[in-house]
Protein backbone atom coordinates (compact mmCIF):
# COMPACT_ATOMS: atom_id res chain seq x y z
CA MET A 1 -12.13 -8.25 39.18
CA LEU A 2 -8.58 -7.30 38.22
CA VAL A 3 -5.63 -9.39 39.39
CA TRP A 4 -2.60 -7.16 39.91
CA ARG A 5 1.01 -8.20 39.34
CA LYS A 6 4.10 -6.30 40.40
CA SER A 7 7.55 -6.16 38.85
CA SER A 8 10.37 -8.00 40.61
CA ALA A 9 12.29 -4.72 40.27
CA SER A 10 9.97 -3.13 42.84
CA GLY A 11 11.57 -1.69 45.99
CA PRO A 12 12.08 -3.71 49.21
CA ALA A 13 8.69 -2.63 50.56
CA GLY A 14 7.09 -3.63 47.26
CA ASP A 15 5.64 -0.20 46.66
CA ASN A 16 8.15 1.49 44.36
CA CYS A 17 6.78 0.36 41.06
CA VAL A 18 3.81 0.07 38.79
CA GLU A 19 1.42 -2.85 38.86
CA VAL A 20 -0.28 -4.38 35.86
CA SER A 21 -3.37 -6.46 35.34
CA LEU A 22 -3.04 -8.62 32.24
CA GLY A 23 -5.95 -9.57 30.03
CA SER A 24 -7.38 -8.57 26.66
CA ARG A 25 -6.25 -5.09 27.71
CA VAL A 26 -3.41 -4.32 30.09
CA VAL A 27 -4.33 -2.03 32.98
CA VAL A 28 -1.52 -0.13 34.74
CA ARG A 29 -1.52 1.65 38.11
CA ASP A 30 0.93 3.16 40.60
CA SER A 31 1.64 0.63 43.36
CA LYS A 32 1.70 3.41 45.97
CA VAL A 33 -1.81 4.62 45.04
CA LYS A 34 -3.83 1.42 44.73
CA GLY A 35 -7.18 3.24 44.65
CA GLY A 36 -5.89 5.94 42.30
CA PRO A 37 -6.20 6.34 38.57
CA CYS A 38 -5.31 3.57 36.12
CA PHE A 39 -4.85 3.47 32.40
CA ALA A 40 -5.39 0.67 29.91
CA VAL A 41 -3.57 -0.21 26.70
CA SER A 42 -3.93 -3.04 24.22
CA SER A 43 -1.91 -6.20 24.78
CA LEU A 44 -0.01 -5.45 21.57
CA ALA A 45 0.91 -1.93 22.76
CA TRP A 46 2.06 -3.33 26.14
CA SER A 47 4.20 -6.00 24.46
CA SER A 48 5.81 -3.41 22.20
CA PHE A 49 6.51 -1.19 25.21
CA LEU A 50 8.18 -4.05 27.11
CA VAL A 51 10.35 -5.01 24.14
CA SER A 52 11.62 -1.42 23.93
CA VAL A 53 12.24 -1.12 27.67
CA ARG A 54 14.05 -4.44 27.83
CA ARG A 55 16.27 -3.50 24.91
CA ILE A 56 17.19 -0.11 26.39
CA SER A 57 17.43 -1.14 30.06
CA GLY A 58 19.29 -4.39 29.44
CA ALA A 59 21.95 -2.65 27.38
CA SER A 60 22.43 0.26 29.75
CA ARG A 61 22.46 -1.74 33.00
CA GLY A 62 24.18 -4.90 31.84
CA ARG A 63 21.24 -7.00 33.06
CA SER A 64 19.48 -9.82 31.34
CA GLN A 65 16.04 -9.04 29.97
CA GLY A 66 14.30 -11.41 32.37
CA GLU A 67 15.85 -9.67 35.38
CA ILE A 68 14.37 -6.31 34.50
CA TRP A 69 10.69 -6.97 33.99
CA THR A 70 9.84 -10.26 35.65
CA LEU A 71 6.35 -9.95 37.09
CA THR A 72 5.54 -11.61 40.39
């Protein structure tokens, strides 16, 4: 069974984001379509993706890295 986590950057209703399930592989889905398609990537690929997003988003929005992609 997958345990889903949502970004703290999700909208007020909590449905304007992606959700991830962390494990040996990271599974990603659209929070608005919980029964819809998912995709999986390696933990290393997910970590590399987050590093890139944090670097780009933090610089362009003036936010700290933790603010952008904190999972709840």
